C-alpha atoms as a PDB file:
ATOM      1  CA  MET A   1     -12.378   9.997  14.139  1.00  0.00           C
ATOM      2  CA  HIS A   2      -9.707  12.950  12.981  1.00  0.00           C
ATOM      3  CA  GLN A   3      -7.131  10.735  11.828  1.00  0.00           C
ATOM      4  CA  SER A   4      -9.687   8.960   9.587  1.00  0.00           C
ATOM      5  CA  LEU A   5     -11.154  12.185   8.006  1.00  0.00           C
ATOM      6  CA  SER A   6      -7.445  13.287   7.189  1.00  0.00           C
ATOM      7  CA  ARG A   7      -6.625  10.028   5.648  1.00  0.00           C
ATOM      8  CA  PHE A   8      -9.826   9.869   3.307  1.00  0.00           C
ATOM      9  CA  GLN A   9      -8.877  13.856   2.123  1.00  0.00           C
ATOM     10  CA  ALA A  10      -5.411  12.773   1.550  1.00  0.00           C
ATOM     11  CA  HIS A  11      -7.112   9.865  -0.852  1.00  0.00           C
ATOM     12  CA  ILE A  12      -9.287  12.738  -2.445  1.00  0.00           C
ATOM     13  CA  ARG A  13      -6.086  14.693  -2.975  1.00  0.00           C
ATOM     14  CA  LEU A  14      -4.225  12.308  -5.039  1.00  0.00           C
ATOM     15  CA  LEU A  15      -7.282  12.495  -7.677  1.00  0.00           C
ATOM     16  CA  ARG A  16      -6.138  16.222  -7.886  1.00  0.00           C
ATOM     17  CA  PRO A  17      -9.247  17.989  -7.094  1.00  0.00           C
ATOM     18  CA  PRO A  18      -8.013  21.197  -9.370  1.00  0.00           C
ATOM     19  CA  LEU A  19      -7.983  18.988 -12.497  1.00  0.00           C
ATOM     20  CA  ALA A  20     -11.571  17.252 -11.785  1.00  0.00           C
ATOM     21  CA  PRO A  21     -13.756  19.876 -14.239  1.00  0.00           C
ATOM     22  CA  MET A  22     -11.419  18.960 -16.749  1.00  0.00           C
ATOM     23  CA  ASP A  23     -11.142  15.281 -15.890  1.00  0.00           C
ATOM     24  CA  LEU A  24     -15.043  14.947 -15.868  1.00  0.00           C
ATOM     25  CA  ALA A  25     -15.934  17.365 -18.602  1.00  0.00           C
ATOM     26  CA  MET A  26     -13.737  15.448 -21.319  1.00  0.00           C
ATOM     27  CA  PRO A  27     -15.019  11.706 -20.876  1.00  0.00           C
ATOM     28  CA  ALA A  28     -18.850  13.436 -20.857  1.00  0.00           C
ATOM     29  CA  ALA A  29     -18.453  15.634 -23.971  1.00  0.00           C
ATOM     30  CA  ALA A  30     -16.580  12.362 -25.365  1.00  0.00           C
ATOM     31  CA  ALA A  31     -19.732  10.012 -24.673  1.00  0.00           C
ATOM     32  CA  LEU A  32     -22.014  12.617 -25.857  1.00  0.00           C
ATOM     33  CA  LEU A  33     -20.137  13.715 -28.700  1.00  0.00           C
ATOM     34  CA  ALA A  34     -20.404   9.874 -30.067  1.00  0.00           C
ATOM     35  CA  VAL A  35     -24.030   9.379 -30.270  1.00  0.00           C
ATOM     36  CA  TYR A  36     -24.758  12.919 -31.486  1.00  0.00           C
ATOM     37  CA  ALA A  37     -21.903  12.660 -34.285  1.00  0.00           C
ATOM     38  CA  VAL A  38     -23.292   9.465 -35.182  1.00  0.00           C
ATOM     39  CA  GLN A  39     -26.842   9.472 -34.671  1.00  0.00           C
ATOM     40  CA  GLY A  40     -27.657  12.787 -34.137  1.00  0.00           C
ATOM     41  CA  ALA A  41     -29.112  12.079 -30.215  1.00  0.00           C
ATOM     42  CA  LEU A  42     -28.348  11.304 -27.084  1.00  0.00           C
ATOM     43  CA  PRO A  43     -27.038   8.403 -25.585  1.00  0.00           C
ATOM     44  CA  PRO A  44     -28.966   6.210 -23.133  1.00  0.00           C
ATOM     45  CA  LEU A  45     -28.506   7.709 -19.622  1.00  0.00           C
ATOM     46  CA  LEU A  46     -26.923   4.640 -17.674  1.00  0.00           C
ATOM     47  CA  PRO A  47     -24.130   4.080 -20.125  1.00  0.00           C
ATOM     48  CA  PHE A  48     -23.563   7.733 -20.210  1.00  0.00           C
ATOM     49  CA  VAL A  49     -22.800   8.337 -16.501  1.00  0.00           C
ATOM     50  CA  ILE A  50     -20.925   5.069 -16.141  1.00  0.00           C
ATOM     51  CA  ALA A  51     -18.744   5.765 -19.241  1.00  0.00           C
ATOM     52  CA  SER A  52     -18.129   8.940 -18.080  1.00  0.00           C
ATOM     53  CA  ILE A  53     -17.193   7.665 -14.510  1.00  0.00           C
ATOM     54  CA  GLY A  54     -15.152   4.761 -15.545  1.00  0.00           C
ATOM     55  CA  ALA A  55     -12.994   7.122 -17.559  1.00  0.00           C
ATOM     56  CA  TYR A  56     -12.941   9.377 -14.596  1.00  0.00           C
ATOM     57  CA  CYS A  57     -11.040   6.242 -12.599  1.00  0.00           C
ATOM     58  CA  ALA A  58      -8.564   5.993 -15.467  1.00  0.00           C
ATOM     59  CA  ILE A  59      -7.140   9.116 -15.581  1.00  0.00           C
ATOM     60  CA  THR A  60      -6.951   9.815 -11.784  1.00  0.00           C
ATOM     61  CA  SER A  61      -6.054   6.600 -11.331  1.00  0.00           C
ATOM     62  CA  SER A  62      -2.771   6.886 -13.406  1.00  0.00           C
ATOM     63  CA  TYR A  63      -2.388  10.553 -11.409  1.00  0.00           C
ATOM     64  CA  VAL A  64      -2.268   8.058  -8.044  1.00  0.00           C
ATOM     65  CA  TYR A  65       0.143   5.679 -10.071  1.00  0.00           C
ATOM     66  CA  ASN A  66       2.663   8.615 -10.863  1.00  0.00           C
ATOM     67  CA  ASP A  67       2.504  10.370  -7.521  1.00  0.00           C
ATOM     68  CA  CYS A  68       3.857   6.548  -6.075  1.00  0.00           C
ATOM     69  CA  CYS A  69       6.975   6.923  -8.708  1.00  0.00           C
ATOM     70  CA  ASP A  70       7.522  10.006  -7.712  1.00  0.00           C
ATOM     71  CA  ILE A  71       7.877  10.673  -4.033  1.00  0.00           C
ATOM     72  CA  ASP A  72      11.538  11.767  -3.865  1.00  0.00           C
ATOM     73  CA  VAL A  73      10.904  14.333  -6.689  1.00  0.00           C
ATOM     74  CA  ASP A  74       7.675  15.613  -4.844  1.00  0.00           C
ATOM     75  CA  SER A  75       9.515  15.403  -1.307  1.00  0.00           C
ATOM     76  CA  ILE A  76      11.391  18.719  -2.927  1.00  0.00           C
ATOM     77  CA  ALA A  77       9.100  20.955  -5.029  1.00  0.00           C
ATOM     78  CA  MET A  78       5.954  19.640  -3.658  1.00  0.00           C
ATOM     79  CA  PRO A  79       6.105  18.105  -0.127  1.00  0.00           C
ATOM     80  CA  ASP A  80       2.853  18.769   1.160  1.00  0.00           C
ATOM     81  CA  ARG A  81       1.306  16.090  -1.207  1.00  0.00           C
ATOM     82  CA  PRO A  82      -0.084  12.887   0.375  1.00  0.00           C
ATOM     83  CA  LEU A  83       2.887  10.698   0.212  1.00  0.00           C
ATOM     84  CA  PRO A  84       6.389  12.580   0.700  1.00  0.00           C
ATOM     85  CA  SER A  85       4.155  14.411   3.623  1.00  0.00           C
ATOM     86  CA  ALA A  86       3.700  10.587   4.981  1.00  0.00           C
ATOM     87  CA  MET A  87      -0.098  11.207   5.053  1.00  0.00           C
ATOM     88  CA  LEU A  88      -0.623   8.031   2.982  1.00  0.00           C
ATOM     89  CA  SER A  89       2.048   5.111   2.564  1.00  0.00           C
ATOM     90  CA  LYS A  90       2.808   4.309  -0.604  1.00  0.00           C
ATOM     91  CA  ARG A  91       1.298   0.922  -0.374  1.00  0.00           C
ATOM     92  CA  GLU A  92      -1.893   2.373   0.474  1.00  0.00           C
ATOM     93  CA  ALA A  93      -1.398   4.688  -3.191  1.00  0.00           C
ATOM     94  CA  GLN A  94      -0.690   1.447  -4.699  1.00  0.00           C
ATOM     95  CA  LEU A  95      -4.074  -0.020  -4.012  1.00  0.00           C
ATOM     96  CA  TRP A  96      -5.755   2.968  -4.274  1.00  0.00           C
ATOM     97  CA  ALA A  97      -4.654   3.430  -8.023  1.00  0.00           C
ATOM     98  CA  LEU A  98      -5.246  -0.649  -8.193  1.00  0.00           C
ATOM     99  CA  PHE A  99      -9.016   0.007  -7.389  1.00  0.00           C
ATOM    100  CA  LEU A 100      -9.313   3.019  -9.194  1.00  0.00           C
ATOM    101  CA  PHE A 101      -7.920   1.245 -12.801  1.00  0.00           C
ATOM    102  CA  LEU A 102     -10.245  -2.092 -11.586  1.00  0.00           C
ATOM    103  CA  VAL A 103     -13.437  -0.031 -11.735  1.00  0.00           C
ATOM    104  CA  ALA A 104     -12.559   1.446 -15.111  1.00  0.00           C
ATOM    105  CA  ALA A 105     -11.750  -1.869 -16.250  1.00  0.00           C
ATOM    106  CA  ALA A 106     -14.794  -3.291 -14.770  1.00  0.00           C
ATOM    107  CA  VAL A 107     -17.214  -0.316 -17.147  1.00  0.00           C
ATOM    108  CA  ALA A 108     -15.096  -1.236 -20.174  1.00  0.00           C
ATOM    109  CA  LEU A 109     -15.747  -4.870 -20.029  1.00  0.00           C
ATOM    110  CA  TYR A 110     -19.469  -4.220 -19.456  1.00  0.00           C
ATOM    111  CA  LEU A 111     -20.142  -1.400 -22.069  1.00  0.00           C
ATOM    112  CA  ASN A 112     -17.476  -2.373 -25.105  1.00  0.00           C
ATOM    113  CA  PRO A 113     -14.761  -5.066 -25.126  1.00  0.00           C
ATOM    114  CA  GLU A 114     -13.366  -2.290 -27.425  1.00  0.00           C
ATOM    115  CA  SER A 115     -13.092   0.100 -24.995  1.00  0.00           C
ATOM    116  CA  PHE A 116     -11.707  -2.126 -22.306  1.00  0.00           C
ATOM    117  CA  VAL A 117      -8.382  -3.503 -25.103  1.00  0.00           C
ATOM    118  CA  ILE A 118      -7.928   0.545 -25.204  1.00  0.00           C
ATOM    119  CA  LEU A 119      -7.883   1.132 -21.572  1.00  0.00           C
ATOM    120  CA  LEU A 120      -5.205  -1.666 -21.670  1.00  0.00           C
ATOM    121  CA  VAL A 121      -3.123   0.289 -23.958  1.00  0.00           C
ATOM    122  CA  ALA A 122      -3.280   3.088 -22.343  1.00  0.00           C
ATOM    123  CA  THR A 123      -2.899   1.991 -19.105  1.00  0.00           C
ATOM    124  CA  LEU A 124       0.350   0.537 -20.105  1.00  0.00           C
ATOM    125  CA  LEU A 125       1.744   3.661 -21.943  1.00  0.00           C
ATOM    126  CA  ILE A 126       1.072   5.424 -18.664  1.00  0.00           C
ATOM    127  CA  THR A 127       2.341   3.004 -16.817  1.00  0.00           C
ATOM    128  CA  ILE A 128       5.568   3.108 -18.941  1.00  0.00           C
ATOM    129  CA  TYR A 129       5.809   6.646 -18.208  1.00  0.00           C
ATOM    130  CA  SER A 130       5.623   6.884 -14.804  1.00  0.00           C
ATOM    131  CA  ALA A 131       8.091   4.165 -14.441  1.00  0.00           C
ATOM    132  CA  TRP A 132      10.717   4.266 -16.886  1.00  0.00           C
ATOM    133  CA  ALA A 133      10.339   6.882 -19.602  1.00  0.00           C
ATOM    134  CA  LYS A 134      10.094  10.105 -17.122  1.00  0.00           C
ATOM    135  CA  ARG A 135      13.420   9.151 -15.709  1.00  0.00           C
ATOM    136  CA  ASN A 136      15.463   8.167 -18.985  1.00  0.00           C
ATOM    137  CA  THR A 137      14.105  10.300 -21.498  1.00  0.00           C
ATOM    138  CA  PRO A 138      13.344  14.032 -21.885  1.00  0.00           C
ATOM    139  CA  PHE A 139      10.891  12.906 -24.390  1.00  0.00           C
ATOM    140  CA  SER A 140       8.732  11.089 -21.660  1.00  0.00           C
ATOM    141  CA  TRP A 141       6.020  13.292 -22.668  1.00  0.00           C
ATOM    142  CA  ILE A 142       5.080  11.550 -25.995  1.00  0.00           C
ATOM    143  CA  PHE A 143       3.376   8.393 -23.692  1.00  0.00           C
ATOM    144  CA  VAL A 144       1.602  10.976 -21.546  1.00  0.00           C
ATOM    145  CA  GLY A 145      -0.562  12.417 -24.298  1.00  0.00           C
ATOM    146  CA  LEU A 146      -0.733   8.958 -26.578  1.00  0.00           C
ATOM    147  CA  SER A 147      -2.180   7.424 -23.216  1.00  0.00           C
ATOM    148  CA  PHE A 148      -4.763  10.112 -22.619  1.00  0.00           C
ATOM    149  CA  GLY A 149      -6.013  10.445 -26.301  1.00  0.00           C
ATOM    150  CA  LEU A 150      -6.925   7.279 -25.977  1.00  0.00           C
ATOM    151  CA  VAL A 151      -9.260   7.811 -23.161  1.00  0.00           C
ATOM    152  CA  PRO A 152     -11.599  10.000 -25.111  1.00  0.00           C
ATOM    153  CA  LEU A 153     -11.666   7.504 -28.036  1.00  0.00           C
ATOM    154  CA  GLY A 154     -12.234   4.557 -25.496  1.00  0.00           C
ATOM    155  CA  VAL A 155     -15.287   6.447 -24.255  1.00  0.00           C
ATOM    156  CA  TRP A 156     -16.518   6.702 -27.641  1.00  0.00           C
ATOM    157  CA  LEU A 157     -16.040   3.318 -28.390  1.00  0.00           C
ATOM    158  CA  ALA A 158     -18.193   2.412 -25.442  1.00  0.00           C
ATOM    159  CA  LEU A 159     -20.899   4.331 -26.755  1.00  0.00           C
ATOM    160  CA  GLU A 160     -20.607   4.026 -30.258  1.00  0.00           C
ATOM    161  CA  PRO A 161     -18.500   0.463 -31.241  1.00  0.00           C
ATOM    162  CA  ALA A 162     -16.305   0.650 -34.207  1.00  0.00           C
ATOM    163  CA  GLY A 163     -17.494  -2.894 -35.177  1.00  0.00           C
ATOM    164  CA  LEU A 164     -14.233  -4.650 -34.823  1.00  0.00           C
ATOM    165  CA  LEU A 165     -14.947  -6.457 -31.472  1.00  0.00           C
ATOM    166  CA  LYS A 166     -18.772  -5.389 -31.107  1.00  0.00           C
ATOM    167  CA  ALA A 167     -21.069  -4.685 -34.014  1.00  0.00           C
ATOM    168  CA  GLY A 168     -20.938  -0.902 -34.793  1.00  0.00           C
ATOM    169  CA  PRO A 169     -21.111   1.770 -37.712  1.00  0.00           C
ATOM    170  CA  GLY A 170     -17.328   1.892 -37.584  1.00  0.00           C
ATOM    171  CA  LEU A 171     -15.400   4.898 -36.332  1.00  0.00           C
ATOM    172  CA  HIS A 172     -16.412   8.488 -36.875  1.00  0.00           C
ATOM    173  CA  PRO A 173     -13.126  10.677 -38.012  1.00  0.00           C
ATOM    174  CA  ALA A 174     -14.317  13.134 -35.377  1.00  0.00           C
ATOM    175  CA  ALA A 175     -13.603  10.422 -33.116  1.00  0.00           C
ATOM    176  CA  LEU A 176      -9.597  10.312 -34.621  1.00  0.00           C
ATOM    177  CA  ILE A 177      -9.898  14.113 -34.709  1.00  0.00           C
ATOM    178  CA  LEU A 178     -10.958  14.015 -31.107  1.00  0.00           C
ATOM    179  CA  ALA A 179      -7.987  11.792 -29.821  1.00  0.00           C
ATOM    180  CA  ALA A 180      -5.654  13.801 -31.971  1.00  0.00           C
ATOM    181  CA  MET A 181      -6.694  17.100 -30.081  1.00  0.00           C
ATOM    182  CA  ILE A 182      -6.354  15.461 -26.673  1.00  0.00           C
ATOM    183  CA  VAL A 183      -3.504  13.894 -27.902  1.00  0.00           C
ATOM    184  CA  ILE A 184      -1.042  17.255 -29.254  1.00  0.00           C
ATOM    185  CA  THR A 185      -2.462  19.037 -26.488  1.00  0.00           C
ATOM    186  CA  ASP A 186      -1.294  16.630 -23.877  1.00  0.00           C
ATOM    187  CA  TRP A 187       2.014  17.224 -25.211  1.00  0.00           C
ATOM    188  CA  GLY A 188       1.731  21.124 -24.060  1.00  0.00           C
ATOM    189  CA  PHE A 189      -0.180  20.312 -20.531  1.00  0.00           C
ATOM    190  CA  THR A 190       2.355  17.758 -19.450  1.00  0.00           C
ATOM    191  CA  ASN A 191       5.123  20.271 -19.905  1.00  0.00           C
ATOM    192  CA  CYS A 192       4.110  23.040 -18.162  1.00  0.00           C
ATOM    193  CA  ASP A 193       3.585  20.562 -15.608  1.00  0.00           C
ATOM    194  CA  ALA A 194       7.473  19.914 -15.736  1.00  0.00           C
ATOM    195  CA  SER A 195       8.217  22.927 -16.044  1.00  0.00           C
ATOM    196  CA  ARG A 196       7.066  23.789 -12.377  1.00  0.00           C
ATOM    197  CA  ASP A 197       8.924  20.602 -11.133  1.00  0.00           C
ATOM    198  CA  VAL A 198      12.254  21.627 -13.014  1.00  0.00           C
ATOM    199  CA  ASP A 199      14.311  22.393  -9.433  1.00  0.00           C
ATOM    200  CA  GLY A 200      13.384  18.973  -8.200  1.00  0.00           C
ATOM    201  CA  ASP A 201      14.089  17.061 -11.360  1.00  0.00           C
ATOM    202  CA  LYS A 202      17.143  18.797 -11.926  1.00  0.00           C
ATOM    203  CA  GLU A 203      18.216  17.556  -8.245  1.00  0.00           C
ATOM    204  CA  LYS A 204      17.267  14.167  -8.714  1.00  0.00           C
ATOM    205  CA  GLY A 205      18.732  14.051 -12.153  1.00  0.00           C
ATOM    206  CA  ILE A 206      15.457  12.893 -14.208  1.00  0.00           C
ATOM    207  CA  PRO A 207      15.547  14.913 -17.550  1.00  0.00           C
ATOM    208  CA  THR A 208      12.393  16.519 -18.663  1.00  0.00           C
ATOM    209  CA  THR A 209      12.130  18.540 -21.591  1.00  0.00           C
ATOM    210  CA  PRO A 210      12.601  21.706 -19.198  1.00  0.00           C
ATOM    211  CA  ALA A 211      15.232  20.082 -17.152  1.00  0.00           C
ATOM    212  CA  THR A 212      17.197  18.935 -20.268  1.00  0.00           C
ATOM    213  CA  TYR A 213      16.616  22.107 -22.564  1.00  0.00           C
ATOM    214  CA  GLY A 214      15.303  24.620 -20.386  1.00  0.00           C
ATOM    215  CA  ILE A 215      12.107  26.603 -20.058  1.00  0.00           C
ATOM    216  CA  ALA A 216      12.655  29.024 -22.909  1.00  0.00           C
ATOM    217  CA  ALA A 217      12.983  26.116 -25.275  1.00  0.00           C
ATOM    218  CA  THR A 218       9.807  24.042 -23.764  1.00  0.00           C
ATOM    219  CA  ALA A 219       7.381  27.135 -23.758  1.00  0.00           C
ATOM    220  CA  ARG A 220       7.872  27.573 -27.606  1.00  0.00           C
ATOM    221  CA  MET A 221       7.537  23.912 -27.856  1.00  0.00           C
ATOM    222  CA  VAL A 222       4.312  23.892 -25.940  1.00  0.00           C
ATOM    223  CA  ALA A 223       2.967  27.257 -27.933  1.00  0.00           C
ATOM    224  CA  GLY A 224       3.471  24.575 -31.054  1.00  0.00           C
ATOM    225  CA  PHE A 225       1.278  22.242 -29.762  1.00  0.00           C
ATOM    226  CA  TRP A 226      -1.087  24.203 -28.617  1.00  0.00           C
ATOM    227  CA  VAL A 227      -1.668  25.692 -32.177  1.00  0.00           C
ATOM    228  CA  VAL A 228      -2.184  22.985 -33.576  1.00  0.00           C
ATOM    229  CA  GLY A 229      -4.476  21.506 -30.832  1.00  0.00           C
ATOM    230  CA  ILE A 230      -6.802  24.783 -31.280  1.00  0.00           C
ATOM    231  CA  ILE A 231      -6.794  23.890 -34.859  1.00  0.00           C
ATOM    232  CA  LEU A 232      -8.188  21.013 -34.175  1.00  0.00           C
ATOM    233  CA  SER A 233     -10.675  22.025 -31.646  1.00  0.00           C
ATOM    234  CA  LEU A 234     -12.268  24.279 -34.539  1.00  0.00           C
ATOM    235  CA  ALA A 235     -11.750  21.115 -37.184  1.00  0.00           C
ATOM    236  CA  LEU A 236     -13.497  18.682 -34.182  1.00  0.00           C
ATOM    237  CA  GLY A 237     -16.745  21.196 -34.182  1.00  0.00           C
ATOM    238  CA  LEU A 238     -17.149  20.840 -38.272  1.00  0.00           C
ATOM    239  CA  SER A 239     -16.283  16.773 -38.367  1.00  0.00           C
ATOM    240  CA  ALA A 240     -19.224  16.225 -35.632  1.00  0.00           C
ATOM    241  CA  ASN A 241     -21.541  19.037 -37.047  1.00  0.00           C
ATOM    242  CA  LEU A 242     -21.521  21.025 -33.966  1.00  0.00           C
ATOM    243  CA  GLY A 243     -22.897  24.745 -33.798  1.00  0.00           C
ATOM    244  CA  TRP A 244     -21.695  28.136 -33.594  1.00  0.00           C
ATOM    245  CA  LEU A 245     -22.275  28.065 -30.117  1.00  0.00           C
ATOM    246  CA  TYR A 246     -19.443  25.554 -29.708  1.00  0.00           C
ATOM    247  CA  LEU A 247     -17.510  27.082 -32.311  1.00  0.00           C
ATOM    248  CA  ALA A 248     -17.845  30.469 -31.150  1.00  0.00           C
ATOM    249  CA  VAL A 249     -16.340  28.952 -27.424  1.00  0.00           C
ATOM    250  CA  ALA A 250     -13.716  27.183 -29.123  1.00  0.00           C
ATOM    251  CA  ALA A 251     -12.640  30.491 -31.291  1.00  0.00           C
ATOM    252  CA  GLY A 252     -12.714  32.677 -28.157  1.00  0.00           C
ATOM    253  CA  ALA A 253     -11.190  30.372 -25.198  1.00  0.00           C
ATOM    254  CA  GLY A 254      -8.594  28.904 -28.115  1.00  0.00           C
ATOM    255  CA  GLY A 255      -7.480  32.716 -28.644  1.00  0.00           C
ATOM    256  CA  TRP A 256      -7.119  33.291 -25.057  1.00  0.00           C
ATOM    257  CA  LEU A 257      -5.075  30.411 -24.308  1.00  0.00           C
ATOM    258  CA  LEU A 258      -3.136  31.763 -27.509  1.00  0.00           C
ATOM    259  CA  LEU A 259      -2.256  34.611 -25.500  1.00  0.00           C
ATOM    260  CA  GLN A 260      -1.237  33.053 -22.423  1.00  0.00           C
ATOM    261  CA  ASN A 261       0.978  30.761 -24.162  1.00  0.00           C
ATOM    262  CA  ARG A 262       2.651  33.927 -25.746  1.00  0.00           C
ATOM    263  CA  ASP A 263       3.080  35.535 -22.306  1.00  0.00           C
ATOM    264  CA  PHE A 264       4.690  32.005 -20.964  1.00  0.00           C
ATOM    265  CA  VAL A 265       7.121  32.370 -23.983  1.00  0.00           C
ATOM    266  CA  ARG A 266       7.985  35.428 -23.201  1.00  0.00           C
ATOM    267  CA  HIS A 267       8.368  34.635 -19.404  1.00  0.00           C
ATOM    268  CA  PRO A 268       9.513  31.453 -19.247  1.00  0.00           C
ATOM    269  CA  THR A 269       9.590  30.567 -15.397  1.00  0.00           C
ATOM    270  CA  ALA A 270       8.449  28.081 -13.448  1.00  0.00           C
ATOM    271  CA  LYS A 271       6.189  29.811 -11.917  1.00  0.00           C
ATOM    272  CA  ARG A 272       4.139  30.981 -15.098  1.00  0.00           C
ATOM    273  CA  GLY A 273       4.095  27.672 -16.468  1.00  0.00           C
ATOM    274  CA  GLU A 274       2.593  26.424 -13.527  1.00  0.00           C
ATOM    275  CA  GLU A 275      -0.116  29.636 -14.331  1.00  0.00           C
ATOM    276  CA  LEU A 276      -0.153  28.325 -17.761  1.00  0.00           C
ATOM    277  CA  PHE A 277      -0.735  24.361 -16.354  1.00  0.00           C
ATOM    278  CA  TYR A 278      -3.732  25.364 -14.578  1.00  0.00           C
ATOM    279  CA  GLN A 279      -5.009  27.904 -17.243  1.00  0.00           C
ATOM    280  CA  SER A 280      -4.675  24.898 -19.725  1.00  0.00           C
ATOM    281  CA  ALA A 281      -6.645  22.642 -18.030  1.00  0.00           C
ATOM    282  CA  ASN A 282      -9.716  25.227 -17.364  1.00  0.00           C
ATOM    283  CA  TYR A 283      -9.260  26.142 -20.899  1.00  0.00           C
ATOM    284  CA  ARG A 284     -10.319  22.323 -21.387  1.00  0.00           C
ATOM    285  CA  ALA A 285     -12.851  22.195 -18.980  1.00  0.00           C
ATOM    286  CA  VAL A 286     -14.643  25.107 -20.755  1.00  0.00           C
ATOM    287  CA  LEU A 287     -14.328  23.557 -24.169  1.00  0.00           C
ATOM    288  CA  PHE A 288     -15.371  20.180 -23.187  1.00  0.00           C
ATOM    289  CA  ALA A 289     -18.426  22.115 -21.187  1.00  0.00           C
ATOM    290  CA  ALA A 290     -19.038  23.564 -24.653  1.00  0.00           C
ATOM    291  CA  ILE A 291     -19.517  20.380 -26.434  1.00  0.00           C
ATOM    292  CA  ILE A 292     -21.724  19.180 -23.795  1.00  0.00           C
ATOM    293  CA  ALA A 293     -23.769  22.502 -24.168  1.00  0.00           C
ATOM    294  CA  ASP A 294     -23.897  22.209 -27.654  1.00  0.00           C
ATOM    295  CA  VAL A 295     -24.541  18.782 -27.990  1.00  0.00           C
ATOM    296  CA  LEU A 296     -28.035  19.126 -25.644  1.00  0.00           C
ATOM    297  CA  LEU A 297     -29.170  22.077 -27.077  1.00  0.00           C
ATOM    298  CA  ARG A 298     -29.040  21.033 -30.688  1.00  0.00           C
ATOM    299  CA  THR A 299     -30.853  17.690 -29.487  1.00  0.00           C
ATOM    300  CA  MET A 300     -33.092  19.164 -27.100  1.00  0.00           C
ATOM    301  CA  LEU A 301     -34.506  22.229 -28.022  1.00  0.00           C
ATOM    302  CA  PRO A 302     -36.467  22.532 -31.270  1.00  0.00           C
ATOM    303  CA  LEU A 303     -34.483  25.777 -32.405  1.00  0.00           C
ATOM    304  CA  GLY A 304     -31.637  24.093 -31.345  1.00  0.00           C
ATOM    305  CA  ALA A 305     -30.267  23.221 -35.004  1.00  0.00           C
ATOM    306  CA  GLY A 306     -29.803  26.405 -35.620  1.00  0.00           C
ATOM    307  CA  LEU A 307     -27.268  27.206 -33.164  1.00  0.00           C
END
């Protein structure tokens, strides 16, 4: 019984629970925003729920697969993770990743073939990253950002088809701004993650940007990505006709995150990179929660349009 519970907990840990608020809020926000931006209304409940769950499964499938590819590095930097600690076998983790992907694929096929195509492209990109790019180029983070930027776009198409494979009104500009925001901020997010793993990467000869060019140069690059991403977060609010609630949160939380980035530039250490990694995840969760709250207030309350 105890062993079964431990194995269950190990499967859950592979999903990276500290990132769950961000990973759940992003697809939920994208689903609400898609219908609100196009129709000024809320999406039907069932498509909204299963699109959010499907996207979460797609995201976490990539986490699990990445851990399968990084057992040697994690054994140095994070030996207590389920795979390097042998709580689960690599085969078990691969089957877990496949199961999560199949759930995401089933949801995408059910909602809109366009979303399924996006899922396939995103999965290909993140697979290239985990299986090849990370160990062969310091710019592997490009693949990660492109892959994760496709997630909200896939969710958007699930609720509001672009009309390529299923009748729809065409792609709203806010969808592209949202995708670009995730791509660019994920480049900063991923390089913070790589900064905390720099010792293990150097020992194993993995040429991440921090291992190749140093954490100080990486910190300056990360700050640049977040400046652009925060500007895009404000442009998203304007293009999607969100209210002052979202814009105030986006400006306030964005300003706070820029201060954290400045501190990382001033103190470019692996520990500060790890702190910024989790701070960035929390910023994203707050930003997406603000989208959800803004859309709900503006659609459900009579005075919501004034917010």
